[in-house]
Amino acid sequence: MRSKVRAALPLRSFRAPQSTVTAHSGSDNHPWQPRFIELRYTDSVSRRFKRPKPLGRRTIETPPVPAGPPPRVIEKAHRRFAEQERQERERVSRFGQIRPVIALESWGKRLVIVRNRIYWGDWQFFPDFLREFGFQTLGRDWYETERAKALGDQHPLFIWQTRAHEFMNRQAPGPDGVYAAIPNGPMAACMSFYYDLYVVADNNTLDDVLLARLRHRDQFQGARHELFAEATCLRAGFTIEHENERDGTRRHVEFVGVHKATGQRLSVEAKSKHRRGVLAMGGEVQEANFRFVSLINEAVAKETPHPLVIFFDTNLPEPRARRFFEPQSIEPFVPSRPMISLLKRLQQPQGDPFNLILFSNHPHHYGADDEIDPRKHLLSIFSQIPRTPVPFAAALWKIHNAANLYGNIPNAFPEAP
């Protein structure tokens, strides 16, 4: 007779005559394995439940943790990073806090990136590119128009370019066929202008109004000095904000500079002294005077919500500039007599309306073709009793230091990494 078994767990409650119940829980070494049951009977009929195969022991191999690069590789990387940091510090000390030149060679051409535009050509040296960049920025049609004019009616920049080209053609090429020479006045004037144009285009945006003034023969002198002021602030680590010139409710400064490191906002005004017979001004050349008060008063007459910085171009021949800029004494510092007289006339009982006046003199256009570029001068006057205090005076010093970088122009393109 076949036995019937009905059981519910736990199995210990099961009782069957003449039968044996054995419960197994798998290997003792694997307590996590599922339980299985085996029933055995002593009668002639038996029912056996198939025992499942144990899962067994599974081994997961993990890759070994790398011990790191060899010490010689780490040392080489540290040397390379240190060299890159040294080169970057040197670049900033020579050219200011502006973007490095981005250039590469591809398809047999030199590619140069200026902000969001790509220029390509066969330039061997960076000044070669600057000249082409100036042509394209001002427009080749503009150059052709100036070329067709009589010499007395041509733009000062076109005259500089012509004289610089003639100067280089008089030089003897080197063994490698490259022409090299210490710049004379016209060449230094051209290249400094093109480089300032590049700095503003690459680190900010070239204002259409400013470009129109630069193309205009009679407005070039003032616009050129404004370009110098903007490029200097960019080298000093500022961003540039142009005011809305269409707002006729008040007179506007050239732009507002915002120091990126401190957030200091400065109103910037640029003034350049015009002289008869110099830089497209009509009349005969006369002895350069030091009458600067009226121009400075025009600058401070503008209502500015921020501390005021004035860039002032004295436009003096180099011998006259020495008399105005060179102090009577260094220790203690005593300005020149013309400078002392000027500062006395600018004093006001309620405090100085300016925070910094940066006097500069770049006499490139006074230099002869067969002479090296005349010496430049720079002198900054920091007000001790300004009407509008400057919370971060270091921003003013950054501008002074950056103005000393004028004329530093890269000669070679950066080497490929």
Protein backbone atom coordinates (compact mmCIF):
# COMPACT_ATOMS: atom_id res chain seq x y z
CA MET A 1 0.00 0.00 0.00
CA ARG A 2 1.39 3.39 -1.08
CA SER A 3 1.79 5.81 1.78
CA LYS A 4 0.51 9.32 1.42
CA VAL A 5 2.46 12.07 3.02
CA ARG A 6 1.14 15.50 3.78
CA ALA A 7 3.54 17.76 5.54
CA ALA A 8 3.82 21.46 6.29
CA LEU A 9 7.01 23.14 7.46
CA PRO A 10 8.57 22.84 9.92
CA LEU A 11 9.30 19.21 9.10
CA ARG A 12 9.77 18.31 12.72
CA SER A 13 5.97 18.04 13.10
CA PHE A 14 5.81 15.28 10.45
CA ARG A 15 5.16 11.74 11.71
CA ALA A 16 4.87 8.70 9.47
CA PRO A 17 4.93 5.08 10.57
CA GLN A 18 7.67 2.91 9.24
CA SER A 19 9.37 5.81 7.56
CA THR A 20 12.37 7.98 8.15
CA VAL A 21 12.48 11.70 7.49
CA THR A 22 15.84 13.36 7.01
CA ALA A 23 16.31 17.12 6.48
CA HIS A 24 19.46 18.56 4.99
CA SER A 25 20.51 22.19 4.93
CA GLY A 26 23.28 21.86 2.36
CA SER A 27 26.97 22.18 3.01
CA ASP A 28 28.02 23.52 6.38
CA ASN A 29 30.46 25.72 4.61
CA HIS A 30 27.72 27.63 2.81
CA PRO A 31 24.98 28.58 5.28
CA TRP A 32 23.53 31.01 2.73
CA GLN A 33 22.49 28.19 0.31
CA PRO A 34 18.73 27.41 0.08
CA ARG A 35 17.44 24.44 2.00
CA PHE A 36 16.40 21.22 0.26
CA ILE A 37 14.49 18.15 1.61
CA GLU A 38 15.01 14.47 1.00
CA LEU A 39 12.31 11.94 2.10
CA ARG A 40 13.14 8.24 2.33
CA TYR A 41 10.65 5.42 3.05
CA THR A 42 11.24 1.89 4.31
CA ASP A 43 8.40 0.35 2.31
CA SER A 44 8.72 -0.95 -1.20
CA VAL A 45 7.57 2.29 -2.74
CA SER A 46 9.73 5.39 -2.32
CA ARG A 47 9.52 8.88 -3.66
CA ARG A 48 12.69 10.84 -4.01
CA PHE A 49 12.92 14.57 -4.60
CA LYS A 50 15.85 15.48 -6.83
CA ARG A 51 18.58 17.20 -4.98
CA PRO A 52 19.64 20.47 -6.64
CA LYS A 53 23.28 21.03 -7.36
CA PRO A 54 25.03 23.27 -4.87
CA LEU A 55 25.98 26.66 -6.24
CA GLY A 56 29.51 26.13 -5.18
CA ARG A 57 32.11 28.78 -4.37
CA ARG A 58 32.39 31.67 -6.83
CA THR A 59 35.59 33.70 -7.15
CA ILE A 60 35.50 37.27 -8.51
CA GLU A 61 38.84 38.54 -9.64
CA THR A 62 39.41 42.29 -9.33
CA PRO A 63 42.21 44.06 -11.18
CA PRO A 64 45.11 45.08 -8.99
CA VAL A 65 45.17 48.68 -7.78
CA PRO A 66 47.91 50.50 -9.68
CA ALA A 67 50.74 51.68 -7.52
CA GLY A 68 50.98 55.01 -9.43
CA PRO A 69 53.41 56.28 -12.05
CA PRO A 70 57.10 55.80 -11.46
CA PRO A 71 58.85 58.53 -9.49
CA ARG A 72 60.81 59.65 -12.55
CA VAL A 73 57.54 60.30 -14.43
CA ILE A 74 56.14 62.35 -11.52
CA GLU A 75 59.35 64.35 -11.30
CA LYS A 76 59.28 65.04 -15.04
CA ALA A 77 55.65 66.22 -14.83
CA HIS A 78 56.47 68.55 -11.93
CA ARG A 79 59.36 70.06 -13.89
CA ARG A 80 57.15 70.58 -16.91
CA PHE A 81 54.37 72.23 -14.88
CA ALA A 82 56.89 74.45 -13.12
CA GLU A 83 58.35 75.51 -16.47
CA GLN A 84 54.88 76.32 -17.84
CA GLU A 85 54.11 78.42 -14.76
CA ARG A 86 57.43 80.25 -15.13
CA GLN A 87 56.74 80.98 -18.78
CA GLU A 88 53.24 82.25 -17.97
CA ARG A 89 54.57 84.58 -15.25
CA GLU A 90 57.15 85.90 -17.70
CA ARG A 91 54.49 86.44 -20.38
CA VAL A 92 52.23 88.37 -17.98
CA SER A 93 55.13 90.49 -16.74
CA ARG A 94 56.00 91.49 -20.34
CA PHE A 95 52.58 91.79 -21.95
CA GLY A 96 50.07 92.10 -19.11
CA GLN A 97 47.03 90.12 -18.02
CA ILE A 98 45.70 89.45 -21.50
CA ARG A 99 45.06 86.25 -23.39
CA PRO A 100 48.13 84.55 -24.84
CA VAL A 101 48.54 84.47 -28.59
CA ILE A 102 46.69 81.44 -29.96
CA ALA A 103 48.28 80.24 -33.18
CA LEU A 104 49.08 76.96 -34.92
CA GLU A 105 50.32 75.64 -38.24
CA SER A 106 48.01 73.52 -40.38
CA TRP A 107 47.60 72.76 -44.09
CA GLY A 108 50.82 74.63 -44.76
CA LYS A 109 49.40 77.87 -43.31
CA ARG A 110 49.65 79.78 -40.04
CA LEU A 111 46.32 80.05 -38.27
CA VAL A 112 45.80 82.80 -35.65
CA ILE A 113 42.68 83.02 -33.50
CA VAL A 114 41.53 86.49 -32.46
CA ARG A 115 38.58 86.11 -30.11
CA ASN A 116 35.95 84.43 -32.33
CA ARG A 117 37.67 84.85 -35.71
CA ILE A 118 40.37 82.81 -37.46
CA TYR A 119 43.01 84.40 -39.69
CA TRP A 120 45.37 82.38 -41.89
CA GLY A 121 48.40 83.31 -43.94
CA ASP A 122 52.09 82.72 -44.56
CA TRP A 123 53.37 84.84 -41.67
CA GLN A 124 56.75 83.86 -40.26
CA PHE A 125 56.75 86.38 -37.39
CA PHE A 126 53.98 87.81 -35.24
CA PRO A 127 54.51 91.44 -36.43
CA ASP A 128 53.84 90.20 -39.97
CA PHE A 129 50.44 89.02 -38.80
CA LEU A 130 49.78 92.28 -36.95
CA ARG A 131 50.28 94.27 -40.14
CA GLU A 132 47.80 92.07 -42.01
CA PHE A 133 45.38 92.22 -39.08
CA GLY A 134 45.48 96.01 -39.21
CA PHE A 135 44.79 96.00 -42.96
CA GLN A 136 41.76 93.74 -42.56
CA THR A 137 40.40 95.56 -39.51
CA LEU A 138 40.53 99.03 -41.02
CA GLY A 139 39.60 97.72 -44.46
CA ARG A 140 41.63 97.33 -47.63
CA ASP A 141 39.33 99.78 -49.37
CA TRP A 142 40.33 102.36 -46.78
CA TYR A 143 44.02 101.74 -47.54
CA GLU A 144 43.49 102.02 -51.28
CA THR A 145 41.61 105.29 -50.77
CA GLU A 146 44.48 106.70 -48.71
CA ARG A 147 47.02 105.53 -51.28
CA ALA A 148 45.27 107.58 -53.97
CA LYS A 149 45.42 110.80 -51.92
CA ALA A 150 48.12 113.44 -52.08
CA LEU A 151 50.81 113.17 -49.38
CA GLY A 152 49.52 116.20 -47.47
CA ASP A 153 46.02 114.73 -47.29
CA GLN A 154 46.92 111.18 -46.30
CA HIS A 155 46.06 109.61 -42.97
CA PRO A 156 48.90 109.64 -40.36
CA LEU A 157 48.78 105.84 -40.07
CA PHE A 158 49.20 105.39 -43.83
CA ILE A 159 52.17 107.77 -43.78
CA TRP A 160 53.76 105.81 -40.92
CA GLN A 161 53.23 102.57 -42.79
CA THR A 162 54.84 103.92 -45.95
CA ARG A 163 57.87 105.28 -44.08
CA ALA A 164 58.25 102.04 -42.10
CA HIS A 165 58.19 99.98 -45.31
CA GLU A 166 60.86 102.17 -46.87
CA PHE A 167 62.97 101.89 -43.71
CA MET A 168 62.90 98.09 -43.76
CA ASN A 169 63.74 97.97 -47.47
CA ARG A 170 66.94 99.88 -46.70
CA GLN A 171 68.09 97.16 -44.31
CA ALA A 172 70.36 94.32 -45.41
CA PRO A 173 68.87 90.84 -45.02
CA GLY A 174 70.52 88.33 -42.72
CA PRO A 175 72.01 84.97 -43.77
CA ASP A 176 68.55 83.43 -43.48
CA GLY A 177 67.01 86.13 -45.67
CA VAL A 178 65.17 87.77 -42.76
CA TYR A 179 65.17 91.55 -42.39
CA ALA A 180 65.78 92.76 -38.85
CA ALA A 181 66.41 96.22 -37.43
CA ILE A 182 65.85 98.35 -34.34
CA PRO A 183 62.57 100.19 -35.08
CA ASN A 184 62.61 103.86 -35.97
CA GLY A 185 59.77 106.17 -34.99
CA PRO A 186 57.33 105.41 -37.85
CA MET A 187 57.79 101.66 -37.51
CA ALA A 188 57.32 101.76 -33.72
CA ALA A 189 54.22 103.92 -34.18
CA CYS A 190 52.71 101.43 -36.66
CA MET A 191 53.44 98.27 -34.74
CA SER A 192 52.34 99.72 -31.38
CA PHE A 193 49.07 100.82 -32.94
CA TYR A 194 48.45 97.44 -34.59
CA TYR A 195 49.25 95.58 -31.36
CA ASP A 196 46.89 97.75 -29.27
CA LEU A 197 44.24 97.15 -31.92
CA TYR A 198 44.83 93.40 -31.61
CA VAL A 199 44.77 93.46 -27.78
CA VAL A 200 41.40 95.21 -27.69
CA ALA A 201 39.93 92.95 -30.40
CA ASP A 202 41.16 89.76 -28.73
CA ASN A 203 40.31 90.61 -25.12
CA ASN A 204 37.22 92.77 -25.53
CA THR A 205 35.42 94.07 -28.62
CA LEU A 206 36.40 96.84 -31.00
CA ASP A 207 33.76 99.54 -30.76
CA ASP A 208 32.39 100.55 -34.17
CA VAL A 209 32.38 104.21 -33.14
CA LEU A 210 36.04 104.02 -32.15
CA LEU A 211 36.94 102.29 -35.42
CA ALA A 212 35.20 105.01 -37.40
CA ARG A 213 37.18 107.67 -35.54
CA LEU A 214 40.44 105.79 -36.11
CA ARG A 215 39.79 105.80 -39.87
CA HIS A 216 39.11 109.54 -39.83
CA ARG A 217 42.22 111.62 -40.46
CA ASP A 218 41.28 114.54 -38.21
CA GLN A 219 40.01 112.36 -35.34
CA PHE A 220 42.80 109.80 -35.38
CA GLN A 221 44.97 111.40 -32.68
CA GLY A 222 42.30 111.40 -29.97
CA ALA A 223 40.97 107.98 -30.97
CA ARG A 224 44.50 106.54 -30.95
CA HIS A 225 45.01 107.67 -27.36
CA GLU A 226 41.65 106.22 -26.36
CA LEU A 227 42.74 102.92 -27.90
CA PHE A 228 45.93 103.08 -25.81
CA ALA A 229 43.87 103.71 -22.65
CA GLU A 230 41.60 100.73 -23.36
CA ALA A 231 44.48 98.39 -24.17
CA THR A 232 46.29 99.49 -20.99
CA CYS A 233 43.27 98.72 -18.80
CA LEU A 234 42.95 95.29 -20.41
CA ARG A 235 46.63 94.60 -19.68
CA ALA A 236 46.00 95.69 -16.09
CA GLY A 237 43.34 93.02 -15.62
CA PHE A 238 40.20 95.09 -16.25
CA THR A 239 37.09 94.44 -18.27
CA ILE A 240 35.71 97.28 -20.39
CA GLU A 241 32.13 98.59 -20.36
CA HIS A 242 31.22 101.24 -22.92
CA GLU A 243 28.53 103.72 -21.94
CA ASN A 244 25.51 104.52 -24.05
CA GLU A 245 26.63 107.48 -26.12
CA ARG A 246 23.06 108.05 -27.30
CA ASP A 247 22.06 109.08 -23.80
CA GLY A 248 22.10 112.86 -24.04
CA THR A 249 21.19 113.53 -20.42
CA ARG A 250 24.86 113.82 -19.43
CA ARG A 251 28.37 113.82 -20.83
CA HIS A 252 29.97 110.41 -20.91
CA VAL A 253 33.49 109.21 -20.22
CA GLU A 254 35.28 106.97 -22.70
CA PHE A 255 34.44 103.79 -20.80
CA VAL A 256 34.12 102.18 -17.37
CA GLY A 257 36.84 99.74 -16.30
CA VAL A 258 36.06 96.94 -13.85
CA HIS A 259 39.04 95.36 -12.10
CA LYS A 260 38.49 91.60 -12.24
CA ALA A 261 40.47 90.82 -9.08
CA THR A 262 38.77 93.35 -6.76
CA GLY A 263 35.60 94.43 -8.59
CA GLN A 264 36.73 98.08 -8.38
CA ARG A 265 34.91 100.21 -10.98
CA LEU A 266 36.68 103.22 -12.49
CA SER A 267 35.51 105.89 -14.92
CA VAL A 268 38.18 106.39 -17.58
CA GLU A 269 38.67 109.51 -19.69
CA ALA A 270 41.33 110.02 -22.39
CA LYS A 271 42.70 113.39 -23.56
CA SER A 272 45.39 114.18 -26.12
CA LYS A 273 47.08 117.54 -26.70
CA HIS A 274 46.78 118.72 -30.30
CA ARG A 275 49.59 120.82 -31.75
CA ARG A 276 49.81 122.79 -34.97
CA GLY A 277 51.60 120.99 -37.78
CA VAL A 278 51.62 117.64 -35.92
CA LEU A 279 49.49 114.56 -36.65
CA ALA A 280 47.21 115.94 -39.36
CA MET A 281 46.82 119.31 -37.65
CA GLY A 282 47.20 122.24 -40.02
CA GLY A 283 49.59 125.14 -39.59
CA GLU A 284 53.29 125.47 -38.94
CA VAL A 285 55.04 123.58 -36.17
CA GLN A 286 55.60 125.74 -33.10
CA GLU A 287 57.48 125.22 -29.85
CA ALA A 288 55.52 122.77 -27.73
CA ASN A 289 54.02 124.34 -24.61
CA PHE A 290 52.76 122.82 -21.35
CA ARG A 291 49.24 124.25 -21.42
CA PHE A 292 47.29 121.24 -20.24
CA VAL A 293 44.91 122.68 -17.63
CA SER A 294 41.96 123.33 -19.94
CA LEU A 295 41.97 119.77 -21.30
CA ILE A 296 42.11 118.29 -17.79
CA ASN A 297 39.26 120.55 -16.68
CA GLU A 298 37.20 119.23 -19.59
CA ALA A 299 37.80 115.69 -18.35
CA VAL A 300 36.86 116.39 -14.71
CA ALA A 301 33.77 118.36 -15.77
CA LYS A 302 32.03 115.12 -16.72
CA GLU A 303 29.80 113.67 -14.01
CA THR A 304 31.21 110.27 -13.12
CA PRO A 305 29.61 107.81 -10.69
CA HIS A 306 32.97 106.12 -10.07
CA PRO A 307 36.51 107.25 -9.21
CA LEU A 308 38.03 109.05 -12.18
CA VAL A 309 41.17 108.03 -14.08
CA ILE A 310 42.49 110.40 -16.76
CA PHE A 311 44.86 109.23 -19.50
CA PHE A 312 46.63 112.35 -20.74
CA ASP A 313 48.84 112.43 -23.85
CA THR A 314 51.20 115.40 -23.71
CA ASN A 315 52.30 115.03 -27.39
CA LEU A 316 55.74 116.53 -26.86
CA PRO A 317 59.01 116.16 -28.74
CA GLU A 318 61.43 114.08 -26.71
CA PRO A 319 63.66 117.01 -25.54
CA ARG A 320 60.63 118.99 -24.30
CA ALA A 321 59.21 115.86 -22.69
CA ARG A 322 62.34 115.48 -20.56
CA ARG A 323 61.80 118.94 -19.15
CA PHE A 324 58.18 118.18 -18.20
CA PHE A 325 58.51 114.58 -16.98
CA GLU A 326 61.91 114.25 -15.35
CA PRO A 327 61.77 115.15 -11.63
CA GLN A 328 64.06 117.55 -9.91
CA SER A 329 64.87 114.93 -7.28
CA ILE A 330 64.24 111.24 -6.74
CA GLU A 331 64.97 110.99 -2.99
CA PRO A 332 62.82 112.73 -1.90
CA PHE A 333 60.66 112.82 -5.00
CA VAL A 334 60.23 116.36 -6.30
CA PRO A 335 58.41 116.77 -9.66
CA SER A 336 59.65 119.10 -12.36
CA ARG A 337 58.81 122.77 -12.11
CA PRO A 338 56.27 122.64 -15.01
CA MET A 339 54.57 119.69 -13.30
CA ILE A 340 54.42 121.46 -9.93
CA SER A 341 52.89 124.52 -11.58
CA LEU A 342 50.28 122.37 -13.31
CA LEU A 343 49.30 120.51 -10.12
CA LYS A 344 48.89 123.77 -8.20
CA ARG A 345 46.44 125.06 -10.81
CA LEU A 346 44.43 121.84 -10.57
CA GLN A 347 44.00 121.97 -6.79
CA GLN A 348 40.48 122.58 -5.49
CA PRO A 349 39.44 123.25 -1.87
CA GLN A 350 36.78 120.51 -1.82
CA GLY A 351 39.26 117.84 -2.93
CA ASP A 352 40.63 116.59 -6.22
CA PRO A 353 38.00 115.61 -8.79
CA PHE A 354 40.33 112.90 -10.11
CA ASN A 355 41.95 109.88 -8.49
CA LEU A 356 44.70 109.29 -11.03
CA ILE A 357 46.15 111.28 -13.90
CA LEU A 358 48.43 109.19 -16.08
CA PHE A 359 50.65 111.52 -18.15
CA SER A 360 52.25 109.74 -21.12
CA ASN A 361 54.34 110.81 -24.07
CA HIS A 362 54.91 108.53 -27.08
CA PRO A 363 56.85 110.71 -29.54
CA HIS A 364 57.10 108.19 -32.40
CA HIS A 365 55.88 110.73 -34.96
CA TYR A 366 58.64 113.19 -34.01
CA GLY A 367 61.41 110.72 -34.86
CA ALA A 368 63.43 110.89 -38.06
CA ASP A 369 63.54 107.96 -40.49
CA ASP A 370 67.24 107.31 -39.91
CA GLU A 371 67.01 107.45 -36.08
CA ILE A 372 65.80 104.91 -33.57
CA ASP A 373 62.43 105.44 -31.93
CA PRO A 374 62.56 108.40 -29.47
CA ARG A 375 62.33 107.70 -25.77
CA LYS A 376 58.89 107.40 -24.17
CA HIS A 377 57.86 109.00 -20.85
CA LEU A 378 55.28 108.12 -18.22
CA LEU A 379 54.32 109.79 -14.93
CA SER A 380 51.29 109.05 -12.75
CA ILE A 381 49.78 111.46 -10.23
CA PHE A 382 47.77 109.77 -7.48
CA SER A 383 45.46 112.10 -5.58
CA GLN A 384 45.84 112.09 -1.80
CA ILE A 385 42.55 113.93 -1.22
CA PRO A 386 40.14 112.68 -3.90
CA ARG A 387 36.45 113.54 -3.78
CA THR A 388 35.57 109.92 -4.50
CA PRO A 389 37.76 107.53 -2.51
CA VAL A 390 38.98 104.27 -4.01
CA PRO A 391 38.38 101.26 -1.74
CA PHE A 392 40.94 99.20 -3.71
CA ALA A 393 43.85 101.49 -4.49
CA ALA A 394 45.80 98.54 -5.90
CA ALA A 395 43.61 98.76 -9.00
CA LEU A 396 45.09 102.20 -9.75
CA TRP A 397 48.62 100.87 -9.42
CA LYS A 398 47.78 98.06 -11.82
CA ILE A 399 46.94 100.67 -14.46
CA HIS A 400 50.21 102.53 -13.88
CA ASN A 401 52.24 99.33 -14.17
CA ALA A 402 50.36 98.24 -17.29
CA ALA A 403 51.02 101.60 -18.97
CA ASN A 404 54.73 100.82 -18.72
CA LEU A 405 54.16 97.76 -20.92
CA TYR A 406 53.25 99.89 -23.93
CA GLY A 407 55.51 99.02 -26.87
CA ASN A 408 56.22 95.44 -25.69
CA ILE A 409 55.20 93.36 -28.71
CA PRO A 410 55.76 89.61 -29.19
CA ASN A 411 58.11 88.91 -32.08
CA ALA A 412 57.65 85.14 -32.46
CA PHE A 413 54.58 82.96 -32.48
CA PRO A 414 54.23 80.61 -29.49
CA GLU A 415 55.88 77.25 -29.90
CA ALA A 416 53.67 74.21 -30.30
CA PRO A 417 53.39 72.16 -27.08
